Protein backbone atom coordinates (compact mmCIF):
# COMPACT_ATOMS: atom_id res chain seq x y z
CA UNK A 1 -165.25 -116.53 29.38
CA UNK A 2 -163.78 -113.63 27.57
CA UNK A 3 -162.20 -114.29 24.36
CA UNK A 4 -158.71 -114.21 23.44
CA UNK A 5 -156.94 -111.03 22.69
CA UNK A 6 -154.40 -111.32 20.05
CA UNK A 7 -153.25 -113.75 17.87
CA UNK A 8 -149.53 -115.32 17.29
CA UNK A 9 -149.32 -113.65 14.11
CA UNK A 10 -150.27 -110.15 15.42
CA UNK A 11 -149.55 -107.93 18.46
CA UNK A 12 -151.55 -105.61 20.73
CA UNK A 13 -149.86 -102.19 20.92
CA UNK A 14 -150.72 -102.01 24.71
CA UNK A 15 -148.64 -104.47 25.75
CA UNK A 16 -145.49 -103.26 28.06
CA UNK A 17 -142.46 -105.35 29.27
CA UNK A 18 -140.88 -104.47 32.45
CA UNK A 19 -137.36 -105.68 33.10
CA UNK A 20 -137.22 -106.95 36.79
CA UNK A 21 -133.50 -108.33 36.28
CA UNK A 22 -131.85 -106.38 39.24
CA UNK A 23 -134.92 -106.20 41.59
CA UNK A 24 -135.84 -109.84 41.64
CA UNK A 25 -131.92 -111.10 40.48
CA UNK A 26 -130.85 -109.03 43.49
CA UNK A 27 -132.56 -111.49 46.01
CA UNK A 28 -130.00 -114.22 44.75
CA UNK A 29 -126.92 -112.09 45.25
CA UNK A 30 -128.06 -109.67 48.01
CA UNK A 31 -128.29 -106.91 45.35
CA UNK A 32 -124.39 -106.84 44.96
CA UNK A 33 -124.37 -105.79 41.14
CA UNK A 34 -121.71 -103.79 39.67
CA UNK A 35 -122.33 -100.41 38.40
CA UNK A 36 -120.95 -101.92 34.93
CA UNK A 37 -123.61 -104.69 34.90
CA UNK A 38 -126.53 -102.44 35.65
CA UNK A 39 -125.44 -99.62 33.28
CA UNK A 40 -125.14 -102.37 30.64
CA UNK A 41 -128.35 -103.83 31.42
CA UNK A 42 -129.98 -100.13 31.35
CA UNK A 43 -128.17 -99.69 27.60
CA UNK A 44 -129.80 -102.85 26.70
CA UNK A 45 -133.27 -102.34 27.82
CA UNK A 46 -133.27 -99.33 25.78
CA UNK A 47 -131.72 -100.83 22.72
CA UNK A 48 -134.43 -103.43 23.18
CA UNK A 49 -137.22 -101.42 23.26
CA UNK A 50 -138.08 -102.40 27.19
CA UNK A 51 -140.69 -100.29 28.50
CA UNK A 52 -139.93 -100.47 32.41
CA UNK A 53 -136.66 -101.33 33.97
CA UNK A 54 -136.91 -101.73 37.84
CA UNK A 55 -134.12 -101.22 39.40
CA UNK A 56 -134.38 -102.91 43.05
CA UNK A 57 -136.36 -102.07 46.51
CA UNK A 58 -136.81 -98.89 48.27
CA UNK A 59 -136.05 -100.76 51.70
CA UNK A 60 -135.78 -99.05 55.29
CA UNK A 61 -132.56 -98.41 56.38
CA UNK A 62 -133.72 -98.70 59.72
CA UNK A 63 -134.78 -102.55 59.00
CA UNK A 64 -131.82 -103.52 56.79
CA UNK A 65 -128.45 -103.77 57.19
CA UNK A 66 -126.80 -101.32 54.48
CA UNK A 67 -123.48 -103.20 55.10
CA UNK A 68 -125.32 -106.68 54.10
CA UNK A 69 -126.87 -105.58 50.98
CA UNK A 70 -125.77 -104.02 47.76
CA UNK A 71 -127.06 -100.61 46.86
CA UNK A 72 -129.97 -101.75 44.47
CA UNK A 73 -131.91 -103.02 47.89
CA UNK A 74 -132.24 -99.22 48.57
CA UNK A 75 -132.20 -97.26 45.49
CA UNK A 76 -130.78 -94.16 46.33
CA UNK A 77 -131.82 -91.40 44.07
CA UNK A 78 -127.87 -90.68 43.69
CA UNK A 79 -127.22 -94.41 43.08
CA UNK A 80 -129.70 -94.46 40.27
CA UNK A 81 -128.63 -91.38 38.51
CA UNK A 82 -125.04 -92.44 38.45
CA UNK A 83 -126.44 -94.99 35.81
CA UNK A 84 -129.10 -93.21 33.78
CA UNK A 85 -128.23 -89.53 34.46
CA UNK A 86 -131.48 -87.58 33.90
CA UNK A 87 -132.49 -90.76 31.94
CA UNK A 88 -133.16 -88.89 28.62
CA UNK A 89 -134.75 -92.09 26.89
CA UNK A 90 -138.09 -93.88 26.51
CA UNK A 91 -137.50 -96.35 29.11
CA UNK A 92 -139.33 -95.67 32.18
CA UNK A 93 -137.48 -96.61 35.65
CA UNK A 94 -139.69 -98.52 38.39
CA UNK A 95 -138.55 -99.47 42.11
CA UNK A 96 -140.44 -102.07 44.54
CA UNK A 97 -141.73 -101.11 47.94
CA UNK A 98 -142.64 -103.56 50.26
CA UNK A 99 -145.77 -102.89 52.86
CA UNK A 100 -144.33 -102.33 56.27
CA UNK A 101 -140.58 -102.18 54.96
CA UNK A 102 -140.32 -99.04 53.44
CA UNK A 103 -139.66 -95.20 55.03
CA UNK A 104 -142.12 -93.34 52.68
CA UNK A 105 -141.50 -90.28 54.27
CA UNK A 106 -137.69 -90.13 53.95
CA UNK A 107 -137.38 -92.41 50.88
CA UNK A 108 -139.95 -91.47 48.44
CA UNK A 109 -138.60 -87.86 46.98
CA UNK A 110 -141.43 -85.91 45.07
CA UNK A 111 -141.56 -86.96 41.47
CA UNK A 112 -139.93 -83.57 40.37
CA UNK A 113 -136.68 -84.70 42.28
CA UNK A 114 -136.54 -87.99 41.08
CA UNK A 115 -136.08 -89.95 37.67
CA UNK A 116 -137.95 -93.02 39.14
CA UNK A 117 -141.31 -93.04 36.93
CA UNK A 118 -143.13 -96.04 38.83
CA UNK A 119 -143.43 -97.21 42.21
CA UNK A 120 -144.49 -100.92 42.79
CA UNK A 121 -146.07 -101.69 45.74
CA UNK A 122 -145.97 -105.38 47.03
CA UNK A 123 -148.33 -106.85 49.46
CA UNK A 124 -149.81 -110.01 50.71
CA UNK A 125 -153.81 -110.24 50.37
CA UNK A 126 -154.14 -109.12 54.13
CA UNK A 127 -152.27 -106.06 54.21
CA UNK A 128 -154.48 -104.49 51.13
CA UNK A 129 -155.37 -101.53 53.03
CA UNK A 130 -151.72 -100.46 53.99
CA UNK A 131 -150.67 -101.17 50.52
CA UNK A 132 -153.48 -98.90 49.12
CA UNK A 133 -152.55 -96.12 51.49
CA UNK A 134 -148.71 -96.39 50.46
CA UNK A 135 -149.73 -96.19 46.69
CA UNK A 136 -151.84 -93.16 47.46
CA UNK A 137 -149.01 -91.62 49.09
CA UNK A 138 -146.86 -92.21 45.91
CA UNK A 139 -149.13 -91.12 43.64
CA UNK A 140 -149.85 -87.82 45.68
CA UNK A 141 -145.77 -87.44 45.12
CA UNK A 142 -146.25 -87.86 41.39
CA UNK A 143 -145.42 -91.06 40.53
CA UNK A 144 -147.26 -94.04 38.73
CA UNK A 145 -148.35 -96.75 40.94
CA UNK A 146 -149.14 -100.34 40.91
CA UNK A 147 -150.14 -102.60 43.84
CA UNK A 148 -148.59 -106.56 43.28
CA UNK A 149 -150.78 -108.92 45.30
CA UNK A 150 -148.01 -111.48 46.20
CA UNK A 151 -148.91 -115.02 46.72
CA UNK A 152 -152.14 -114.79 45.13
CA UNK A 153 -152.20 -118.68 45.02
CA UNK A 154 -152.68 -118.96 48.60
CA UNK A 155 -155.90 -116.58 48.81
CA UNK A 156 -159.36 -117.89 47.79
CA UNK A 157 -161.44 -116.25 44.81
CA UNK A 158 -163.66 -114.30 47.56
CA UNK A 159 -160.49 -112.59 49.03
CA UNK A 160 -159.02 -111.83 45.65
CA UNK A 161 -162.20 -110.35 44.64
CA UNK A 162 -162.56 -108.09 47.59
CA UNK A 163 -158.83 -106.93 47.47
CA UNK A 164 -159.20 -105.91 43.57
CA UNK A 165 -162.49 -104.01 44.29
CA UNK A 166 -160.54 -102.01 46.99
CA UNK A 167 -157.71 -101.31 44.85
CA UNK A 168 -159.93 -100.84 41.73
CA UNK A 169 -161.14 -97.76 43.64
CA UNK A 170 -158.17 -96.53 44.73
CA UNK A 171 -155.58 -94.23 42.68
CA UNK A 172 -153.26 -96.68 41.69
CA UNK A 173 -152.58 -97.12 37.91
CA UNK A 174 -151.83 -100.99 37.59
CA UNK A 175 -152.30 -104.31 39.67
CA UNK A 176 -150.44 -107.03 39.15
CA UNK A 177 -151.04 -110.63 39.66
CA UNK A 178 -147.83 -112.55 41.04
CA UNK A 179 -147.38 -116.22 41.20
CA UNK A 180 -144.63 -115.73 43.96
CA UNK A 181 -144.64 -119.41 44.45
CA UNK A 182 -144.44 -120.61 40.88
CA UNK A 183 -147.48 -122.89 41.74
CA UNK A 184 -149.81 -122.05 38.96
CA UNK A 185 -151.24 -123.24 35.64
CA UNK A 186 -152.26 -121.60 32.58
CA UNK A 187 -155.72 -122.36 33.13
CA UNK A 188 -155.22 -121.16 36.65
CA UNK A 189 -153.64 -117.89 35.24
CA UNK A 190 -156.43 -117.43 32.65
CA UNK A 191 -159.19 -117.66 35.31
CA UNK A 192 -157.15 -115.13 37.38
CA UNK A 193 -156.39 -112.94 34.49
CA UNK A 194 -160.22 -112.42 33.60
CA UNK A 195 -160.71 -111.66 37.11
CA UNK A 196 -158.03 -108.85 37.11
CA UNK A 197 -159.00 -107.45 33.93
CA UNK A 198 -162.58 -107.22 34.63
CA UNK A 199 -161.73 -104.95 37.55
CA UNK A 200 -159.09 -103.15 35.23
CA UNK A 201 -161.40 -102.60 32.55
CA UNK A 202 -164.15 -101.22 35.45
CA UNK A 203 -161.82 -98.99 36.96
CA UNK A 204 -159.20 -97.83 34.13
CA UNK A 205 -156.30 -100.13 35.71
CA UNK A 206 -153.56 -101.83 33.73
CA UNK A 207 -152.95 -105.30 34.89
CA UNK A 208 -149.61 -107.07 34.95
CA UNK A 209 -147.86 -110.34 35.65
CA UNK A 210 -144.93 -111.80 37.47
CA UNK A 211 -144.56 -115.22 36.98
CA UNK A 212 -142.02 -117.51 38.97
CA UNK A 213 -140.64 -120.81 37.26
CA UNK A 214 -140.88 -123.50 39.71
CA UNK A 215 -142.42 -125.51 37.47
CA UNK A 216 -141.11 -124.21 34.18
CA UNK A 217 -144.39 -122.38 33.59
CA UNK A 218 -143.37 -118.69 34.20
CA UNK A 219 -143.17 -118.37 30.12
CA UNK A 220 -146.17 -120.20 29.75
CA UNK A 221 -148.32 -118.54 32.40
CA UNK A 222 -146.97 -115.21 31.03
CA UNK A 223 -148.42 -115.60 27.78
CA UNK A 224 -151.37 -117.12 28.61
CA UNK A 225 -151.98 -113.84 30.87
CA UNK A 226 -151.27 -111.91 27.72
CA UNK A 227 -153.72 -114.05 25.56
CA UNK A 228 -156.44 -112.79 28.40
CA UNK A 229 -155.88 -109.41 28.18
CA UNK A 230 -152.90 -108.70 30.75
CA UNK A 231 -151.04 -105.96 29.40
CA UNK A 232 -147.85 -105.30 31.66
CA UNK A 233 -145.60 -108.55 31.69
CA UNK A 234 -142.37 -108.93 33.97
CA UNK A 235 -139.42 -110.76 32.70
CA UNK A 236 -135.84 -110.87 33.52
CA UNK A 237 -132.52 -111.85 31.56
CA UNK A 238 -131.95 -115.25 31.53
CA UNK A 239 -134.73 -115.62 33.97
CA UNK A 240 -132.53 -114.87 37.08
CA UNK A 241 -134.64 -114.35 40.06
CA UNK A 242 -135.16 -115.63 43.56
CA UNK A 243 -135.14 -119.63 43.60
CA UNK A 244 -136.34 -120.91 40.34
CA UNK A 245 -136.49 -117.45 38.80
CA UNK A 246 -138.76 -115.62 36.40
CA UNK A 247 -140.14 -115.47 32.78
CA UNK A 248 -136.58 -115.23 30.66
CA UNK A 249 -136.58 -111.83 28.87
CA UNK A 250 -135.31 -113.89 26.07
CA UNK A 251 -138.01 -115.94 25.66
CA UNK A 252 -140.77 -113.12 25.94
CA UNK A 253 -139.18 -110.69 23.32
CA UNK A 254 -138.95 -113.61 21.02
CA UNK A 255 -142.72 -114.39 21.37
CA UNK A 256 -143.91 -110.59 21.10
CA UNK A 257 -144.35 -109.87 17.73
CA UNK A 258 -144.50 -105.96 18.16
CA UNK A 259 -141.40 -104.77 16.08
CA UNK A 260 -140.49 -102.09 18.66
CA UNK A 261 -138.95 -105.07 20.72
CA UNK A 262 -135.33 -106.28 19.55
CA UNK A 263 -134.41 -109.62 20.68
CA UNK A 264 -130.66 -109.05 19.40
CA UNK A 265 -129.59 -106.76 22.34
CA UNK A 266 -130.99 -108.89 24.81
CA UNK A 267 -129.17 -112.04 23.31
CA UNK A 268 -125.71 -110.38 23.49
CA UNK A 269 -126.25 -108.99 27.18
CA UNK A 270 -127.08 -112.37 27.97
CA UNK A 271 -124.19 -114.37 26.25
CA UNK A 272 -121.64 -111.25 27.68
CA UNK A 273 -122.87 -110.80 31.00
CA UNK A 274 -125.65 -113.63 32.45
CA UNK A 275 -123.22 -116.43 31.19
CA UNK A 276 -120.66 -114.31 33.22
CA UNK A 277 -122.76 -114.31 36.21
CA UNK A 278 -123.54 -118.23 36.06
CA UNK A 279 -119.55 -119.01 35.40
CA UNK A 280 -118.75 -117.12 38.86
CA UNK A 281 -121.01 -119.10 40.73
CA UNK A 282 -124.18 -117.23 40.97
CA UNK A 283 -126.91 -119.88 41.03
CA UNK A 284 -130.84 -119.39 40.03
CA UNK A 285 -133.19 -121.36 37.68
CA UNK A 286 -135.29 -124.69 37.81
CA UNK A 287 -134.24 -127.53 39.85
CA UNK A 288 -136.38 -130.43 41.54
CA UNK A 289 -136.60 -128.58 45.10
CA UNK A 290 -138.09 -125.83 43.29
CA UNK A 291 -140.47 -127.89 41.27
CA UNK A 292 -141.67 -129.65 44.66
CA UNK A 293 -142.41 -126.52 46.75
CA UNK A 294 -144.35 -125.33 43.51
CA UNK A 295 -146.42 -128.59 43.43
CA UNK A 296 -147.18 -128.12 46.97
CA UNK A 297 -148.01 -124.34 46.64
CA UNK A 298 -145.36 -123.73 49.28
CA UNK A 299 -142.61 -120.77 49.44
CA UNK A 300 -139.49 -121.55 48.02
CA UNK A 301 -137.51 -120.86 51.37
CA UNK A 302 -137.19 -124.67 51.84
CA UNK A 303 -136.10 -125.43 48.78
CA UNK A 304 -133.51 -122.88 48.57
CA UNK A 305 -131.96 -124.25 51.70
CA UNK A 306 -132.02 -127.92 50.15
CA UNK A 307 -130.36 -126.86 46.93
CA UNK A 308 -127.61 -124.86 49.33
CA UNK A 309 -126.80 -127.96 51.17
CA UNK A 310 -126.40 -130.23 48.14
CA UNK A 311 -129.25 -132.26 49.05
CA UNK A 312 -130.34 -134.72 45.95
CA UNK A 313 -132.54 -137.12 47.87
CA UNK A 314 -135.23 -135.50 46.34
CA UNK A 315 -138.02 -138.30 47.30
CA UNK A 316 -137.07 -137.60 51.10
CA UNK A 317 -137.09 -133.67 50.58
CA UNK A 318 -140.65 -134.03 48.97
CA UNK A 319 -142.10 -136.53 51.88
CA UNK A 320 -140.53 -133.79 54.33
CA UNK A 321 -142.47 -131.23 52.68
CA UNK A 322 -145.64 -133.18 52.82
CA UNK A 323 -145.23 -134.35 56.32
CA UNK A 324 -144.51 -130.73 57.51
CA UNK A 325 -146.60 -128.48 55.32
CA UNK A 326 -149.52 -130.51 54.52
């Protein structure tokens, strides 16, 4: 087992924080955030010392109806520039591109024409070759690139190791552990982190983590990964994100000891903006149906439906999941 890296009283200067509030939070409200909200979030991330801000997806307008989603589903260059101008700050900007759902030739500009710095390619284990092709294309355009293997909890170690080796040999700059179903525990994250960081050290790749909170493990799993050498940490304000949400930014920034990270701007944004979203009726965060899909290592779509229907017969819901999926 690899030794723990860092202590609770020190910090690793290689740690970077990525804010995924708009991208993952957009799955809660179909990306209908106001420009005012996004601009305040951008300013908060700058003040807080956050390293990357992910604006949303580069989704194909041929596949997704622009009338059904807000602008951050598509992240046009002019939309981002309307928030950040030329981004004369130390904060880097990120977008996500799903395998099979992105129009690379039309929507990915040359880096010289874009304020975007990082493109993260989201893939399942069975589409790794396509993900590598996408990452290589974006790399050739001048961007930093990451390959995020989603739903890694559903894959076996042999397949994960083969995928990591292929990505390691590619031009991607980062590889991200993604606990899409919020089903994993720190012990499992520790083993995965060691598997990923071994490849990262071999090929010179940064390793990241994106944790979901179905079992209220997102923060614990994130700091466990950090202790095992993972260096790019995803978080969102108030933990907003699909279903049970993500690692809360306020918890992560409060934990990190690097003085470059400032908690006060995050707290002010949460109290002034995130509470307002909740008061306006936007729903996210831990709930028992998410716990149950997490326990069974299932996609949370059924839990989302259960909560939207107001179903609180948790015992029956669990039995239905068990009978249907297991």
